[in-house]
PDB file of N, CA and C in Angstrom:
ATOM      1  N   MET A   1      -6.812 -16.735  -2.905  1.00  0.00           N
ATOM      2  CA  MET A   1      -8.106 -16.995  -2.397  1.00  0.00           C
ATOM      3  C   MET A   1      -9.329 -16.862  -3.234  1.00  0.00           C
ATOM      4  N   ALA A   2      -9.488 -15.756  -3.859  1.00  0.00           N
ATOM      5  CA  ALA A   2     -10.640 -15.554  -4.727  1.00  0.00           C
ATOM      6  C   ALA A   2     -10.762 -16.663  -5.737  1.00  0.00           C
ATOM      7  N   GLU A   3      -9.683 -17.108  -6.295  1.00  0.00           N
ATOM      8  CA  GLU A   3      -9.571 -18.225  -7.198  1.00  0.00           C
ATOM      9  C   GLU A   3     -10.259 -19.463  -6.619  1.00  0.00           C
ATOM     10  N   ALA A   4      -9.693 -19.764  -5.460  1.00  0.00           N
ATOM     11  CA  ALA A   4     -10.295 -21.091  -4.795  1.00  0.00           C
ATOM     12  C   ALA A   4     -11.836 -20.901  -4.570  1.00  0.00           C
ATOM     13  N   LEU A   5     -12.176 -19.676  -4.015  1.00  0.00           N
ATOM     14  CA  LEU A   5     -13.535 -19.604  -3.747  1.00  0.00           C
ATOM     15  C   LEU A   5     -14.521 -19.704  -5.104  1.00  0.00           C
ATOM     16  N   ARG A   6     -13.983 -19.330  -6.164  1.00  0.00           N
ATOM     17  CA  ARG A   6     -14.726 -19.297  -7.579  1.00  0.00           C
ATOM     18  C   ARG A   6     -14.766 -20.725  -7.926  1.00  0.00           C
ATOM     19  N   GLU A   7     -13.563 -21.440  -7.679  1.00  0.00           N
ATOM     20  CA  GLU A   7     -13.501 -22.962  -8.015  1.00  0.00           C
ATOM     21  C   GLU A   7     -14.545 -23.707  -7.091  1.00  0.00           C
ATOM     22  N   ARG A   8     -14.788 -23.239  -5.940  1.00  0.00           N
ATOM     23  CA  ARG A   8     -15.831 -23.937  -5.161  1.00  0.00           C
ATOM     24  C   ARG A   8     -17.178 -23.760  -5.785  1.00  0.00           C
ATOM     25  N   LEU A   9     -17.498 -22.531  -6.140  1.00  0.00           N
ATOM     26  CA  LEU A   9     -18.703 -22.326  -6.764  1.00  0.00           C
ATOM     27  C   LEU A   9     -18.953 -23.076  -8.125  1.00  0.00           C
ATOM     28  N   LYS A  10     -17.852 -23.128  -8.888  1.00  0.00           N
ATOM     29  CA  LYS A  10     -17.993 -24.126 -10.058  1.00  0.00           C
ATOM     30  C   LYS A  10     -18.298 -25.547  -9.828  1.00  0.00           C
ATOM     31  N   ILE A  11     -17.611 -26.093  -8.803  1.00  0.00           N
ATOM     32  CA  ILE A  11     -17.896 -27.360  -8.442  1.00  0.00           C
ATOM     33  C   ILE A  11     -19.451 -27.571  -7.915  1.00  0.00           C
ATOM     34  N   ILE A  12     -19.858 -26.555  -6.985  1.00  0.00           N
ATOM     35  CA  ILE A  12     -21.302 -26.657  -6.673  1.00  0.00           C
ATOM     36  C   ILE A  12     -22.204 -26.665  -7.816  1.00  0.00           C
ATOM     37  N   SER A  13     -21.984 -25.889  -8.830  1.00  0.00           N
ATOM     38  CA  SER A  13     -22.930 -25.786  -9.809  1.00  0.00           C
ATOM     39  C   SER A  13     -22.617 -26.764 -10.969  1.00  0.00           C
ATOM     40  N   ASN A  14     -21.700 -27.528 -10.972  1.00  0.00           N
ATOM     41  CA  ASN A  14     -21.402 -28.599 -11.986  1.00  0.00           C
ATOM     42  C   ASN A  14     -22.337 -29.678 -11.918  1.00  0.00           C
ATOM     43  N   GLU A  15     -23.281 -29.708 -12.642  1.00  0.00           N
ATOM     44  CA  GLU A  15     -24.278 -30.773 -12.664  1.00  0.00           C
ATOM     45  C   GLU A  15     -23.695 -32.267 -12.994  1.00  0.00           C
ATOM     46  N   ALA A  16     -22.722 -32.239 -13.800  1.00  0.00           N
ATOM     47  CA  ALA A  16     -22.208 -33.468 -14.157  1.00  0.00           C
ATOM     48  C   ALA A  16     -21.436 -34.199 -13.010  1.00  0.00           C
ATOM     49  N   SER A  17     -20.744 -33.177 -12.114  1.00  0.00           N
ATOM     50  CA  SER A  17     -20.034 -33.678 -10.939  1.00  0.00           C
ATOM     51  C   SER A  17     -21.151 -34.161 -10.000  1.00  0.00           C
ATOM     52  N   ARG A  18     -22.337 -33.549  -9.913  1.00  0.00           N
ATOM     53  CA  ARG A  18     -23.270 -33.980  -9.019  1.00  0.00           C
ATOM     54  C   ARG A  18     -23.943 -35.268  -9.173  1.00  0.00           C
ATOM     55  N   ARG A  19     -23.827 -35.697 -10.357  1.00  0.00           N
ATOM     56  CA  ARG A  19     -24.218 -37.095 -10.758  1.00  0.00           C
ATOM     57  C   ARG A  19     -23.547 -38.245 -10.061  1.00  0.00           C
ATOM     58  N   ASP A  20     -22.372 -37.959  -9.723  1.00  0.00           N
ATOM     59  CA  ASP A  20     -21.494 -38.994  -8.897  1.00  0.00           C
ATOM     60  C   ASP A  20     -21.249 -38.287  -7.413  1.00  0.00           C
ATOM     61  N   PRO A  21     -22.392 -38.641  -6.663  1.00  0.00           N
ATOM     62  CA  PRO A  21     -22.311 -37.951  -5.266  1.00  0.00           C
ATOM     63  C   PRO A  21     -20.829 -38.019  -4.406  1.00  0.00           C
ATOM     64  N   ASP A  22     -20.274 -39.271  -4.525  1.00  0.00           N
ATOM     65  CA  ASP A  22     -19.193 -39.516  -3.613  1.00  0.00           C
ATOM     66  C   ASP A  22     -18.119 -38.434  -4.353  1.00  0.00           C
ATOM     67  N   GLN A  23     -17.979 -38.566  -5.597  1.00  0.00           N
ATOM     68  CA  GLN A  23     -16.833 -37.705  -6.088  1.00  0.00           C
ATOM     69  C   GLN A  23     -17.186 -36.253  -6.015  1.00  0.00           C
ATOM     70  N   HIS A  24     -18.375 -35.892  -6.060  1.00  0.00           N
ATOM     71  CA  HIS A  24     -18.746 -34.413  -5.774  1.00  0.00           C
ATOM     72  C   HIS A  24     -18.260 -34.027  -4.367  1.00  0.00           C
ATOM     73  N   VAL A  25     -18.623 -34.860  -3.359  1.00  0.00           N
ATOM     74  CA  VAL A  25     -18.408 -34.558  -2.070  1.00  0.00           C
ATOM     75  C   VAL A  25     -16.922 -34.492  -1.900  1.00  0.00           C
ATOM     76  N   THR A  26     -16.164 -35.353  -2.484  1.00  0.00           N
ATOM     77  CA  THR A  26     -14.756 -35.311  -2.345  1.00  0.00           C
ATOM     78  C   THR A  26     -14.202 -34.004  -2.882  1.00  0.00           C
ATOM     79  N   ARG A  27     -14.549 -33.629  -4.052  1.00  0.00           N
ATOM     80  CA  ARG A  27     -14.027 -32.423  -4.670  1.00  0.00           C
ATOM     81  C   ARG A  27     -14.359 -31.283  -3.870  1.00  0.00           C
ATOM     82  N   LEU A  28     -15.719 -31.196  -3.213  1.00  0.00           N
ATOM     83  CA  LEU A  28     -16.121 -30.096  -2.352  1.00  0.00           C
ATOM     84  C   LEU A  28     -15.172 -30.179  -1.034  1.00  0.00           C
ATOM     85  N   ARG A  29     -14.874 -31.283  -0.483  1.00  0.00           N
ATOM     86  CA  ARG A  29     -14.061 -31.333   0.734  1.00  0.00           C
ATOM     87  C   ARG A  29     -12.634 -30.960   0.352  1.00  0.00           C
ATOM     88  N   GLU A  30     -12.120 -31.217  -0.873  1.00  0.00           N
ATOM     89  CA  GLU A  30     -10.761 -30.823  -1.057  1.00  0.00           C
ATOM     90  C   GLU A  30     -10.672 -29.357  -1.376  1.00  0.00           C
ATOM     91  N   ILE A  31     -11.686 -28.688  -1.919  1.00  0.00           N
ATOM     92  CA  ILE A  31     -11.660 -27.215  -2.233  1.00  0.00           C
ATOM     93  C   ILE A  31     -11.790 -26.558  -0.941  1.00  0.00           C
ATOM     94  N   SER A  32     -12.674 -27.106   0.007  1.00  0.00           N
ATOM     95  CA  SER A  32     -12.743 -26.532   1.301  1.00  0.00           C
ATOM     96  C   SER A  32     -11.637 -26.483   2.113  1.00  0.00           C
ATOM     97  N   GLU A  33     -10.842 -27.614   2.089  1.00  0.00           N
ATOM     98  CA  GLU A  33      -9.560 -27.798   2.825  1.00  0.00           C
ATOM     99  C   GLU A  33      -8.665 -26.670   2.175  1.00  0.00           C
ATOM    100  N   ARG A  34      -8.624 -26.527   0.885  1.00  0.00           N
ATOM    101  CA  ARG A  34      -7.579 -25.545   0.273  1.00  0.00           C
ATOM    102  C   ARG A  34      -8.049 -24.062   0.774  1.00  0.00           C
ATOM    103  N   ILE A  35      -9.369 -23.883   0.678  1.00  0.00           N
ATOM    104  CA  ILE A  35      -9.724 -22.521   1.268  1.00  0.00           C
ATOM    105  C   ILE A  35      -9.323 -22.293   2.638  1.00  0.00           C
ATOM    106  N   GLU A  36      -9.455 -23.285   3.489  1.00  0.00           N
ATOM    107  CA  GLU A  36      -9.081 -23.198   4.785  1.00  0.00           C
ATOM    108  C   GLU A  36      -7.540 -22.912   4.924  1.00  0.00           C
ATOM    109  N   THR A  37      -6.691 -23.633   4.205  1.00  0.00           N
ATOM    110  CA  THR A  37      -5.310 -23.395   4.196  1.00  0.00           C
ATOM    111  C   THR A  37      -4.869 -22.055   3.744  1.00  0.00           C
ATOM    112  N   LEU A  38      -5.509 -21.623   2.661  1.00  0.00           N
ATOM    113  CA  LEU A  38      -5.279 -20.295   2.150  1.00  0.00           C
ATOM    114  C   LEU A  38      -5.523 -19.213   3.321  1.00  0.00           C
ATOM    115  N   ALA A  39      -6.692 -19.461   3.940  1.00  0.00           N
ATOM    116  CA  ALA A  39      -7.241 -18.498   4.955  1.00  0.00           C
ATOM    117  C   ALA A  39      -6.281 -18.416   6.053  1.00  0.00           C
ATOM    118  N   ALA A  40      -5.748 -19.506   6.490  1.00  0.00           N
ATOM    119  CA  ALA A  40      -4.808 -19.526   7.572  1.00  0.00           C
ATOM    120  C   ALA A  40      -3.449 -18.820   7.128  1.00  0.00           C
ATOM    121  N   ALA A  41      -3.219 -18.907   5.991  1.00  0.00           N
ATOM    122  CA  ALA A  41      -1.980 -18.186   5.349  1.00  0.00           C
ATOM    123  C   ALA A  41      -1.991 -16.727   5.026  1.00  0.00           C
ATOM    124  N   LEU A  42      -3.244 -16.173   5.169  1.00  0.00           N
ATOM    125  CA  LEU A  42      -3.407 -14.810   4.923  1.00  0.00           C
ATOM    126  C   LEU A  42      -2.603 -13.922   5.863  1.00  0.00           C
ATOM    127  N   PRO A  43      -2.023 -12.922   5.465  1.00  0.00           N
ATOM    128  CA  PRO A  43      -1.238 -11.905   6.272  1.00  0.00           C
ATOM    129  C   PRO A  43      -2.268 -11.374   7.373  1.00  0.00           C
ATOM    130  N   GLN A  44      -1.785 -11.296   8.493  1.00  0.00           N
ATOM    131  CA  GLN A  44      -2.479 -10.872   9.605  1.00  0.00           C
ATOM    132  C   GLN A  44      -2.257  -9.337   9.853  1.00  0.00           C
ATOM    133  N   PRO A  45      -3.211  -8.597  10.315  1.00  0.00           N
ATOM    134  CA  PRO A  45      -4.599  -8.870  10.611  1.00  0.00           C
ATOM    135  C   PRO A  45      -5.399  -8.857   9.217  1.00  0.00           C
ATOM    136  N   ILE A  46      -6.316  -9.648   9.144  1.00  0.00           N
ATOM    137  CA  ILE A  46      -7.200  -9.542   7.987  1.00  0.00           C
ATOM    138  C   ILE A  46      -8.548  -8.780   8.395  1.00  0.00           C
ATOM    139  N   PRO A  47      -9.100  -8.095   7.430  1.00  0.00           N
ATOM    140  CA  PRO A  47     -10.326  -7.358   7.729  1.00  0.00           C
ATOM    141  C   PRO A  47     -11.225  -8.221   8.615  1.00  0.00           C
ATOM    142  N   PRO A  48     -11.932  -7.606   9.570  1.00  0.00           N
ATOM    143  CA  PRO A  48     -12.791  -8.275  10.420  1.00  0.00           C
ATOM    144  C   PRO A  48     -13.977  -8.919   9.686  1.00  0.00           C
ATOM    145  N   ARG A  49     -14.615  -8.213   8.746  1.00  0.00           N
ATOM    146  CA  ARG A  49     -15.728  -8.798   7.971  1.00  0.00           C
ATOM    147  C   ARG A  49     -15.235 -10.120   7.227  1.00  0.00           C
ATOM    148  N   LEU A  50     -14.041  -9.925   6.608  1.00  0.00           N
ATOM    149  CA  LEU A  50     -13.532 -11.255   5.907  1.00  0.00           C
ATOM    150  C   LEU A  50     -13.294 -12.272   6.761  1.00  0.00           C
ATOM    151  N   ALA A  51     -12.741 -12.049   7.887  1.00  0.00           N
ATOM    152  CA  ALA A  51     -12.420 -13.141   9.020  1.00  0.00           C
ATOM    153  C   ALA A  51     -13.892 -13.663   9.384  1.00  0.00           C
ATOM    154  N   HIS A  52     -14.803 -13.000   9.443  1.00  0.00           N
ATOM    155  CA  HIS A  52     -16.239 -13.380   9.946  1.00  0.00           C
ATOM    156  C   HIS A  52     -16.592 -14.281   8.977  1.00  0.00           C
ATOM    157  N   PHE A  53     -16.542 -13.935   7.631  1.00  0.00           N
ATOM    158  CA  PHE A  53     -17.050 -14.666   6.423  1.00  0.00           C
ATOM    159  C   PHE A  53     -16.378 -16.135   6.448  1.00  0.00           C
ATOM    160  N   LEU A  54     -14.972 -16.004   6.613  1.00  0.00           N
ATOM    161  CA  LEU A  54     -14.219 -17.289   6.475  1.00  0.00           C
ATOM    162  C   LEU A  54     -14.508 -18.159   7.680  1.00  0.00           C
ATOM    163  N   ASP A  55     -14.524 -17.709   8.927  1.00  0.00           N
ATOM    164  CA  ASP A  55     -14.791 -18.403  10.070  1.00  0.00           C
ATOM    165  C   ASP A  55     -16.239 -19.078  10.090  1.00  0.00           C
ATOM    166  N   ARG A  56     -17.135 -18.463   9.392  1.00  0.00           N
ATOM    167  CA  ARG A  56     -18.639 -18.984   9.401  1.00  0.00           C
ATOM    168  C   ARG A  56     -18.736 -19.958   8.067  1.00  0.00           C
ATOM    169  N   ARG A  57     -17.733 -19.907   7.251  1.00  0.00           N
ATOM    170  CA  ARG A  57     -17.695 -20.574   5.917  1.00  0.00           C
ATOM    171  C   ARG A  57     -18.755 -19.966   4.952  1.00  0.00           C
ATOM    172  N   SER A  58     -18.883 -18.670   5.177  1.00  0.00           N
ATOM    173  CA  SER A  58     -19.809 -18.011   4.301  1.00  0.00           C
ATOM    174  C   SER A  58     -18.922 -17.633   2.902  1.00  0.00           C
ATOM    175  N   TYR A  59     -18.635 -18.486   2.342  1.00  0.00           N
ATOM    176  CA  TYR A  59     -17.659 -18.278   1.146  1.00  0.00           C
ATOM    177  C   TYR A  59     -18.093 -17.481   0.063  1.00  0.00           C
ATOM    178  N   ASP A  60     -19.496 -17.485  -0.203  1.00  0.00           N
ATOM    179  CA  ASP A  60     -20.064 -16.665  -1.191  1.00  0.00           C
ATOM    180  C   ASP A  60     -19.874 -15.181  -0.900  1.00  0.00           C
ATOM    181  N   LYS A  61     -20.071 -14.941   0.473  1.00  0.00           N
ATOM    182  CA  LYS A  61     -19.810 -13.493   1.011  1.00  0.00           C
ATOM    183  C   LYS A  61     -18.364 -13.045   1.132  1.00  0.00           C
ATOM    184  N   ALA A  62     -17.533 -14.061   1.253  1.00  0.00           N
ATOM    185  CA  ALA A  62     -16.106 -13.926   1.375  1.00  0.00           C
ATOM    186  C   ALA A  62     -15.614 -13.410  -0.086  1.00  0.00           C
ATOM    187  N   LEU A  63     -16.127 -14.144  -0.989  1.00  0.00           N
ATOM    188  CA  LEU A  63     -15.702 -13.825  -2.584  1.00  0.00           C
ATOM    189  C   LEU A  63     -16.369 -12.538  -2.859  1.00  0.00           C
ATOM    190  N   GLU A  64     -17.552 -12.188  -2.549  1.00  0.00           N
ATOM    191  CA  GLU A  64     -18.034 -10.918  -2.789  1.00  0.00           C
ATOM    192  C   GLU A  64     -17.194  -9.759  -2.092  1.00  0.00           C
ATOM    193  N   PHE A  65     -16.954 -10.049  -0.859  1.00  0.00           N
ATOM    194  CA  PHE A  65     -15.987  -9.004  -0.122  1.00  0.00           C
ATOM    195  C   PHE A  65     -14.717  -8.753  -0.955  1.00  0.00           C
ATOM    196  N   LEU A  66     -13.993  -9.907  -1.123  1.00  0.00           N
ATOM    197  CA  LEU A  66     -12.749  -9.744  -1.805  1.00  0.00           C
ATOM    198  C   LEU A  66     -12.829  -9.104  -3.335  1.00  0.00           C
ATOM    199  N   CYS A  67     -13.966  -9.303  -3.993  1.00  0.00           N
ATOM    200  CA  CYS A  67     -14.144  -8.771  -5.309  1.00  0.00           C
ATOM    201  C   CYS A  67     -14.445  -7.328  -5.250  1.00  0.00           C
ATOM    202  N   SER A  68     -15.173  -6.826  -4.289  1.00  0.00           N
ATOM    203  CA  SER A  68     -15.515  -5.500  -4.089  1.00  0.00           C
ATOM    204  C   SER A  68     -14.280  -4.549  -3.554  1.00  0.00           C
ATOM    205  N   GLY A  69     -13.116  -5.377  -3.519  1.00  0.00           N
ATOM    206  CA  GLY A  69     -12.044  -4.457  -2.932  1.00  0.00           C
ATOM    207  C   GLY A  69     -12.049  -4.410  -1.447  1.00  0.00           C
ATOM    208  N   GLY A  70     -12.890  -5.013  -0.758  1.00  0.00           N
ATOM    209  CA  GLY A  70     -13.080  -4.792   0.673  1.00  0.00           C
ATOM    210  C   GLY A  70     -11.812  -5.006   1.462  1.00  0.00           C
TER     211      GLY A  70
END
């Protein structure tokens, strides 16, 4: 999960990718779908805060939570 969240940040910050808006949006859509698939596969129950971040698509906060050992 953390790897996919990091990949999303890399895509967002990739200036070369942003020069081709269609490709950029496609890459963002693909990684978002991957994150949603991974989130659905997490062992239950997951921590309520993590569930909140994932449900709200607060992916930066979800990554911070995971990296802090939350």
